[in-house]
C-alpha atoms as a PDB file:
ATOM      1  CA  MET A   1      -4.381   4.257 -48.392  1.00  0.00           C
ATOM      2  CA  TRP A   2      -0.901   5.031 -47.105  1.00  0.00           C
ATOM      3  CA  ALA A   3       1.330   7.981 -47.893  1.00  0.00           C
ATOM      4  CA  SER A   4       5.010   8.112 -47.073  1.00  0.00           C
ATOM      5  CA  ASP A   5       7.415  10.962 -46.383  1.00  0.00           C
ATOM      6  CA  PRO A   6      10.679  10.226 -48.231  1.00  0.00           C
ATOM      7  CA  SER A   7      12.669  12.575 -45.978  1.00  0.00           C
ATOM      8  CA  THR A   8      11.688  10.835 -42.712  1.00  0.00           C
ATOM      9  CA  GLY A   9      10.522   7.449 -43.961  1.00  0.00           C
ATOM     10  CA  LEU A  10       7.298   7.863 -41.973  1.00  0.00           C
ATOM     11  CA  ALA A  11       4.147   6.360 -43.462  1.00  0.00           C
ATOM     12  CA  TYR A  12       0.729   7.897 -42.890  1.00  0.00           C
ATOM     13  CA  ALA A  13      -2.819   6.704 -43.382  1.00  0.00           C
ATOM     14  CA  ALA A  14      -6.369   7.766 -42.554  1.00  0.00           C
ATOM     15  CA  ASP A  15      -9.494   5.643 -42.214  1.00  0.00           C
ATOM     16  CA  PRO A  16     -12.365   7.513 -43.927  1.00  0.00           C
ATOM     17  CA  THR A  17     -14.954   5.458 -42.052  1.00  0.00           C
ATOM     18  CA  THR A  18     -13.711   6.075 -38.506  1.00  0.00           C
ATOM     19  CA  GLY A  19     -11.632   9.179 -39.147  1.00  0.00           C
ATOM     20  CA  ILE A  20      -8.724   7.607 -37.284  1.00  0.00           C
ATOM     21  CA  ASN A  21      -5.277   8.736 -38.432  1.00  0.00           C
ATOM     22  CA  TYR A  22      -2.258   6.434 -38.429  1.00  0.00           C
ATOM     23  CA  ALA A  23       1.495   6.807 -38.682  1.00  0.00           C
ATOM     24  CA  ALA A  24       4.287   4.247 -38.818  1.00  0.00           C
ATOM     25  CA  ASP A  25       8.009   4.751 -38.281  1.00  0.00           C
ATOM     26  CA  PRO A  26       9.875   1.902 -40.020  1.00  0.00           C
ATOM     27  CA  THR A  27      13.163   2.959 -38.421  1.00  0.00           C
ATOM     28  CA  THR A  28      11.997   2.351 -34.842  1.00  0.00           C
ATOM     29  CA  GLY A  29       9.081   0.013 -35.584  1.00  0.00           C
ATOM     30  CA  THR A  30       6.716   2.372 -33.769  1.00  0.00           C
ATOM     31  CA  THR A  31       3.156   2.892 -34.973  1.00  0.00           C
ATOM     32  CA  TYR A  32       0.696   5.590 -33.935  1.00  0.00           C
ATOM     33  CA  ALA A  33      -3.035   6.139 -34.137  1.00  0.00           C
ATOM     34  CA  ALA A  34      -5.136   9.193 -33.248  1.00  0.00           C
ATOM     35  CA  ASP A  35      -8.876   9.013 -32.618  1.00  0.00           C
ATOM     36  CA  PRO A  36     -10.454  12.324 -33.680  1.00  0.00           C
ATOM     37  CA  THR A  37     -13.613  11.637 -31.676  1.00  0.00           C
ATOM     38  CA  SER A  38     -11.994  11.068 -28.273  1.00  0.00           C
ATOM     39  CA  GLY A  39      -8.669  12.779 -28.971  1.00  0.00           C
ATOM     40  CA  VAL A  40      -6.859   9.755 -27.558  1.00  0.00           C
ATOM     41  CA  VAL A  41      -3.509   8.941 -29.158  1.00  0.00           C
ATOM     42  CA  TYR A  42      -2.273   5.351 -29.271  1.00  0.00           C
ATOM     43  CA  ALA A  43       1.148   3.905 -29.999  1.00  0.00           C
ATOM     44  CA  SER A  44       2.937   0.569 -30.121  1.00  0.00           C
ATOM     45  CA  ASP A  45       6.640  -0.178 -30.318  1.00  0.00           C
ATOM     46  CA  ALA A  46       8.648  -2.914 -32.020  1.00  0.00           C
ATOM     47  CA  ALA A  47       8.757  -4.956 -28.803  1.00  0.00           C
ATOM     48  CA  GLY A  48       4.967  -5.044 -28.550  1.00  0.00           C
ATOM     49  CA  GLY A  49       4.607  -2.339 -25.911  1.00  0.00           C
ATOM     50  CA  LEU A  50       1.306  -0.471 -26.052  1.00  0.00           C
ATOM     51  CA  TYR A  51       0.791   3.178 -25.109  1.00  0.00           C
ATOM     52  CA  ALA A  52      -2.037   5.690 -24.959  1.00  0.00           C
ATOM     53  CA  ALA A  53      -2.432   9.347 -24.022  1.00  0.00           C
ATOM     54  CA  ASP A  54      -5.754  11.057 -23.316  1.00  0.00           C
ATOM     55  CA  PRO A  55      -5.425  14.838 -23.790  1.00  0.00           C
ATOM     56  CA  ASN A  56      -8.853  15.375 -22.225  1.00  0.00           C
ATOM     57  CA  THR A  57      -7.820  14.009 -18.823  1.00  0.00           C
ATOM     58  CA  GLY A  58      -4.040  14.240 -19.119  1.00  0.00           C
ATOM     59  CA  ALA A  59      -3.792  10.520 -18.325  1.00  0.00           C
ATOM     60  CA  THR A  60      -1.178   8.330 -20.002  1.00  0.00           C
ATOM     61  CA  PHE A  61      -1.099   4.553 -20.210  1.00  0.00           C
ATOM     62  CA  ALA A  62       1.442   1.857 -21.054  1.00  0.00           C
ATOM     63  CA  ALA A  63       1.422  -1.943 -21.189  1.00  0.00           C
ATOM     64  CA  ASP A  64       4.534  -4.119 -20.984  1.00  0.00           C
ATOM     65  CA  PRO A  65       4.152  -7.114 -23.346  1.00  0.00           C
ATOM     66  CA  THR A  66       6.772  -9.149 -21.483  1.00  0.00           C
ATOM     67  CA  THR A  67       5.376  -8.909 -17.950  1.00  0.00           C
ATOM     68  CA  GLY A  68       1.794  -7.936 -18.759  1.00  0.00           C
ATOM     69  CA  VAL A  69       2.082  -5.084 -16.262  1.00  0.00           C
ATOM     70  CA  MET A  70      -0.002  -2.008 -17.083  1.00  0.00           C
ATOM     71  CA  TYR A  71       1.038   1.493 -16.074  1.00  0.00           C
ATOM     72  CA  ALA A  72      -0.767   4.814 -15.907  1.00  0.00           C
ATOM     73  CA  SER A  73      -0.148   8.374 -14.805  1.00  0.00           C
ATOM     74  CA  ASP A  74      -2.443  11.349 -14.237  1.00  0.00           C
ATOM     75  CA  PRO A  75      -1.764  15.066 -14.761  1.00  0.00           C
ATOM     76  CA  ALA A  76      -1.242  15.573 -11.014  1.00  0.00           C
ATOM     77  CA  GLY A  77       1.748  13.230 -11.155  1.00  0.00           C
ATOM     78  CA  GLY A  78      -0.008  10.196  -9.690  1.00  0.00           C
ATOM     79  CA  LEU A  79       1.465   6.890 -10.827  1.00  0.00           C
ATOM     80  CA  TYR A  80      -0.393   3.601 -11.099  1.00  0.00           C
ATOM     81  CA  ALA A  81       0.435   0.003 -12.009  1.00  0.00           C
ATOM     82  CA  SER A  82      -1.430  -3.269 -12.262  1.00  0.00           C
ATOM     83  CA  ASP A  83       0.173  -6.708 -12.483  1.00  0.00           C
ATOM     84  CA  PRO A  84      -2.427  -9.208 -13.773  1.00  0.00           C
ATOM     85  CA  THR A  85      -0.069 -12.137 -13.177  1.00  0.00           C
ATOM     86  CA  VAL A  86      -0.148 -11.787  -9.376  1.00  0.00           C
ATOM     87  CA  GLY A  87      -3.266  -9.610  -9.099  1.00  0.00           C
ATOM     88  CA  MET A  88      -1.381  -6.727  -7.492  1.00  0.00           C
ATOM     89  CA  THR A  89      -2.259  -3.073  -8.105  1.00  0.00           C
ATOM     90  CA  TYR A  90      -0.194  -0.058  -7.062  1.00  0.00           C
ATOM     91  CA  ALA A  91      -0.651   3.692  -6.759  1.00  0.00           C
ATOM     92  CA  ALA A  92       1.732   6.479  -5.752  1.00  0.00           C
ATOM     93  CA  ASP A  93       0.560   9.864  -4.440  1.00  0.00           C
ATOM     94  CA  PRO A  94       2.930  12.568  -5.739  1.00  0.00           C
ATOM     95  CA  THR A  95       1.908  15.039  -3.002  1.00  0.00           C
ATOM     96  CA  SER A  96       2.466  12.855   0.060  1.00  0.00           C
ATOM     97  CA  GLY A  97       4.806  10.304  -1.519  1.00  0.00           C
ATOM     98  CA  VAL A  98       2.690   7.524  -0.019  1.00  0.00           C
ATOM     99  CA  VAL A  99       2.571   4.314  -2.065  1.00  0.00           C
ATOM    100  CA  TYR A 100      -0.530   2.118  -1.954  1.00  0.00           C
ATOM    101  CA  ALA A 101      -1.043  -1.481  -3.049  1.00  0.00           C
ATOM    102  CA  SER A 102      -3.697  -4.173  -3.062  1.00  0.00           C
ATOM    103  CA  ASP A 103      -3.421  -7.902  -3.716  1.00  0.00           C
ATOM    104  CA  ALA A 104      -5.705 -10.455  -5.329  1.00  0.00           C
ATOM    105  CA  ALA A 105      -7.143 -11.473  -1.933  1.00  0.00           C
ATOM    106  CA  GLY A 106      -8.241  -7.902  -1.184  1.00  0.00           C
ATOM    107  CA  GLY A 107      -5.353  -7.089   1.137  1.00  0.00           C
ATOM    108  CA  LEU A 108      -4.500  -3.400   1.294  1.00  0.00           C
ATOM    109  CA  TYR A 109      -1.039  -1.946   1.885  1.00  0.00           C
ATOM    110  CA  ALA A 110       0.540   1.478   2.207  1.00  0.00           C
ATOM    111  CA  ALA A 111       4.058   2.813   2.727  1.00  0.00           C
ATOM    112  CA  ASP A 112       4.907   6.365   3.810  1.00  0.00           C
ATOM    113  CA  PRO A 113       8.533   7.113   2.849  1.00  0.00           C
ATOM    114  CA  SER A 114       8.549  10.386   4.810  1.00  0.00           C
ATOM    115  CA  SER A 115       7.958   8.630   8.133  1.00  0.00           C
ATOM    116  CA  GLY A 116       9.152   5.140   7.204  1.00  0.00           C
ATOM    117  CA  THR A 117       5.811   3.705   8.317  1.00  0.00           C
ATOM    118  CA  THR A 118       4.158   0.818   6.491  1.00  0.00           C
ATOM    119  CA  TYR A 119       0.581  -0.398   6.831  1.00  0.00           C
ATOM    120  CA  ALA A 120      -1.399  -3.512   5.916  1.00  0.00           C
ATOM    121  CA  ALA A 121      -5.064  -4.482   6.206  1.00  0.00           C
ATOM    122  CA  ASP A 122      -6.258  -8.103   6.208  1.00  0.00           C
ATOM    123  CA  PRO A 123      -9.622  -8.385   4.390  1.00  0.00           C
ATOM    124  CA  ALA A 124     -10.412 -11.759   5.978  1.00  0.00           C
ATOM    125  CA  THR A 125     -10.079 -10.657   9.620  1.00  0.00           C
ATOM    126  CA  GLY A 126     -10.287  -6.886   9.279  1.00  0.00           C
ATOM    127  CA  ALA A 127      -7.064  -6.621  11.265  1.00  0.00           C
ATOM    128  CA  ILE A 128      -4.822  -3.644  10.564  1.00  0.00           C
ATOM    129  CA  TYR A 129      -1.044  -3.789  10.925  1.00  0.00           C
ATOM    130  CA  ALA A 130       1.655  -1.131  10.936  1.00  0.00           C
ATOM    131  CA  ALA A 131       5.419  -0.901  11.357  1.00  0.00           C
ATOM    132  CA  ASP A 132       7.461   2.244  11.962  1.00  0.00           C
ATOM    133  CA  ALA A 133      10.986   3.193  10.987  1.00  0.00           C
ATOM    134  CA  ALA A 134      12.313   2.311  14.448  1.00  0.00           C
ATOM    135  CA  GLY A 135      11.106  -1.279  14.096  1.00  0.00           C
ATOM    136  CA  GLY A 136       7.979  -0.893  16.198  1.00  0.00           C
ATOM    137  CA  VAL A 137       5.121  -3.162  15.125  1.00  0.00           C
ATOM    138  CA  TYR A 138       1.438  -2.455  15.711  1.00  0.00           C
ATOM    139  CA  ALA A 139      -1.839  -4.292  15.138  1.00  0.00           C
ATOM    140  CA  ALA A 140      -5.531  -3.624  15.693  1.00  0.00           C
ATOM    141  CA  ASP A 141      -8.346  -6.188  15.545  1.00  0.00           C
ATOM    142  CA  PRO A 142     -11.689  -4.381  15.074  1.00  0.00           C
ATOM    143  CA  THR A 143     -13.613  -7.616  15.683  1.00  0.00           C
ATOM    144  CA  THR A 144     -12.385  -8.021  19.265  1.00  0.00           C
ATOM    145  CA  GLY A 145     -11.350  -4.421  19.915  1.00  0.00           C
ATOM    146  CA  MET A 146      -7.818  -5.565  20.751  1.00  0.00           C
ATOM    147  CA  THR A 147      -4.791  -3.456  19.852  1.00  0.00           C
ATOM    148  CA  PHE A 148      -1.147  -4.482  20.058  1.00  0.00           C
ATOM    149  CA  ALA A 149       2.221  -2.745  19.935  1.00  0.00           C
ATOM    150  CA  SER A 150       5.797  -3.919  20.312  1.00  0.00           C
ATOM    151  CA  ASP A 151       8.785  -1.747  21.193  1.00  0.00           C
ATOM    152  CA  ALA A 152      11.764  -2.698  19.018  1.00  0.00           C
ATOM    153  CA  THR A 153      14.225  -1.193  21.517  1.00  0.00           C
ATOM    154  CA  THR A 154      13.004  -2.791  24.750  1.00  0.00           C
ATOM    155  CA  GLY A 155      11.202  -5.790  23.310  1.00  0.00           C
ATOM    156  CA  VAL A 156       8.161  -4.983  25.449  1.00  0.00           C
ATOM    157  CA  VAL A 157       4.815  -5.909  23.903  1.00  0.00           C
ATOM    158  CA  TYR A 158       1.716  -3.896  24.771  1.00  0.00           C
ATOM    159  CA  ALA A 159      -1.971  -4.650  24.269  1.00  0.00           C
ATOM    160  CA  SER A 160      -5.340  -3.163  25.102  1.00  0.00           C
ATOM    161  CA  ASP A 161      -8.847  -4.625  24.923  1.00  0.00           C
ATOM    162  CA  ALA A 162     -12.278  -3.204  24.229  1.00  0.00           C
ATOM    163  CA  SER A 163     -12.877  -2.479  27.918  1.00  0.00           C
ATOM    164  CA  GLY A 164      -9.831  -0.229  28.075  1.00  0.00           C
ATOM    165  CA  ALA A 165      -7.648  -2.647  30.020  1.00  0.00           C
ATOM    166  CA  VAL A 166      -3.968  -2.333  29.150  1.00  0.00           C
ATOM    167  CA  TYR A 167      -1.444  -5.177  29.162  1.00  0.00           C
ATOM    168  CA  ALA A 168       2.304  -5.430  28.752  1.00  0.00           C
ATOM    169  CA  ALA A 169       4.836  -8.257  28.521  1.00  0.00           C
ATOM    170  CA  ASP A 170       8.573  -7.748  29.006  1.00  0.00           C
ATOM    171  CA  ALA A 171      10.427 -10.454  27.092  1.00  0.00           C
ATOM    172  CA  SER A 172      13.741  -9.611  28.755  1.00  0.00           C
ATOM    173  CA  THR A 173      12.454 -10.263  32.288  1.00  0.00           C
ATOM    174  CA  GLY A 174       9.439 -12.455  31.585  1.00  0.00           C
ATOM    175  CA  THR A 175       7.271 -10.080  33.631  1.00  0.00           C
ATOM    176  CA  MET A 176       3.678  -9.422  32.583  1.00  0.00           C
ATOM    177  CA  TYR A 177       1.578  -6.407  33.537  1.00  0.00           C
ATOM    178  CA  ALA A 178      -2.090  -5.464  33.394  1.00  0.00           C
ATOM    179  CA  ALA A 179      -3.949  -2.257  34.226  1.00  0.00           C
ATOM    180  CA  ASP A 180      -7.648  -2.298  35.181  1.00  0.00           C
ATOM    181  CA  PRO A 181      -9.393   0.786  33.755  1.00  0.00           C
ATOM    182  CA  THR A 182     -12.231   0.523  36.288  1.00  0.00           C
ATOM    183  CA  THR A 183     -10.161   0.496  39.486  1.00  0.00           C
ATOM    184  CA  GLY A 184      -6.927   1.896  38.121  1.00  0.00           C
ATOM    185  CA  TYR A 185      -5.091  -1.006  39.798  1.00  0.00           C
ATOM    186  CA  VAL A 186      -1.957  -2.314  38.132  1.00  0.00           C
ATOM    187  CA  TYR A 187      -1.023  -5.982  38.322  1.00  0.00           C
ATOM    188  CA  ALA A 188       2.281  -7.699  37.664  1.00  0.00           C
ATOM    189  CA  SER A 189       3.492 -11.290  37.623  1.00  0.00           C
ATOM    190  CA  ASP A 190       6.849 -12.473  38.930  1.00  0.00           C
ATOM    191  CA  PRO A 191       8.220 -15.079  36.493  1.00  0.00           C
ATOM    192  CA  ALA A 192      10.608 -16.488  39.122  1.00  0.00           C
ATOM    193  CA  SER A 193       8.004 -17.290  41.780  1.00  0.00           C
ATOM    194  CA  GLY A 194       4.844 -17.179  39.692  1.00  0.00           C
ATOM    195  CA  ALA A 195       3.350 -14.750  42.199  1.00  0.00           C
ATOM    196  CA  VAL A 196       0.998 -12.017  41.044  1.00  0.00           C
ATOM    197  CA  TYR A 197       1.004  -8.593  42.709  1.00  0.00           C
ATOM    198  CA  GLY A 198      -1.398  -5.692  42.628  1.00  0.00           C
ATOM    199  CA  ALA A 199      -0.705  -2.024  43.181  1.00  0.00           C
ATOM    200  CA  ASP A 200      -2.969   0.969  43.756  1.00  0.00           C
ATOM    201  CA  PRO A 201      -1.225   3.984  42.201  1.00  0.00           C
ATOM    202  CA  VAL A 202      -3.502   6.339  44.172  1.00  0.00           C
ATOM    203  CA  SER A 203      -2.771   5.031  47.677  1.00  0.00           C
ATOM    204  CA  GLY A 204       0.537   3.384  46.886  1.00  0.00           C
ATOM    205  CA  ALA A 205      -0.686   0.107  48.429  1.00  0.00           C
ATOM    206  CA  VAL A 206       0.890  -3.120  47.099  1.00  0.00           C
ATOM    207  CA  TRP A 207      -0.454  -6.611  47.742  1.00  0.00           C
ATOM    208  CA  GLN A 208       0.003 -10.178  46.578  1.00  0.00           C
ATOM    209  CA  VAL A 209      -2.944 -11.469  44.584  1.00  0.00           C
ATOM    210  CA  ALA A 210      -1.773 -15.035  44.057  1.00  0.00           C
END
């Protein structure tokens, strides 16, 4: 049974079976429901938006009827969203400012606005990628132990393998370098002649390998 307040126009009702209380605002088209057992309060607006607030946890929820996107927040200020259309989920850490995301394929992403660094993890290969604010790009392949880095200023690309060997390629000159972790020798290729040279940084000796 409903009761109405003539001064506000609000209508109220209570379900004696469940104990749930309801309210409806005909001016805005908003309806409310309060569950006395859980304490959760629900609401819907005239556009079909759905809302909920849990006083026990401090969490709030909202669902957009147009996009299907669902939102949530926690008492610490954390923000969350889930887009069922594309399978994306998002979370924002209010303390660090870092934003996290995952896609339907299991890919994981993060963006740190304080440093300008972004990260991505490929669930199929296990590879991890990163980019910094200066344009540097990085990658790590845990399967092979390879890591990669590119310098946005010089264009030089660096790599290392599981043995500790380090490599570099200079796109501006076409020169390639390699460092042997066992001997400490450094090798370089001359793109003009195709010759390969070795150098011992300890003795200073330089020789042509090929």
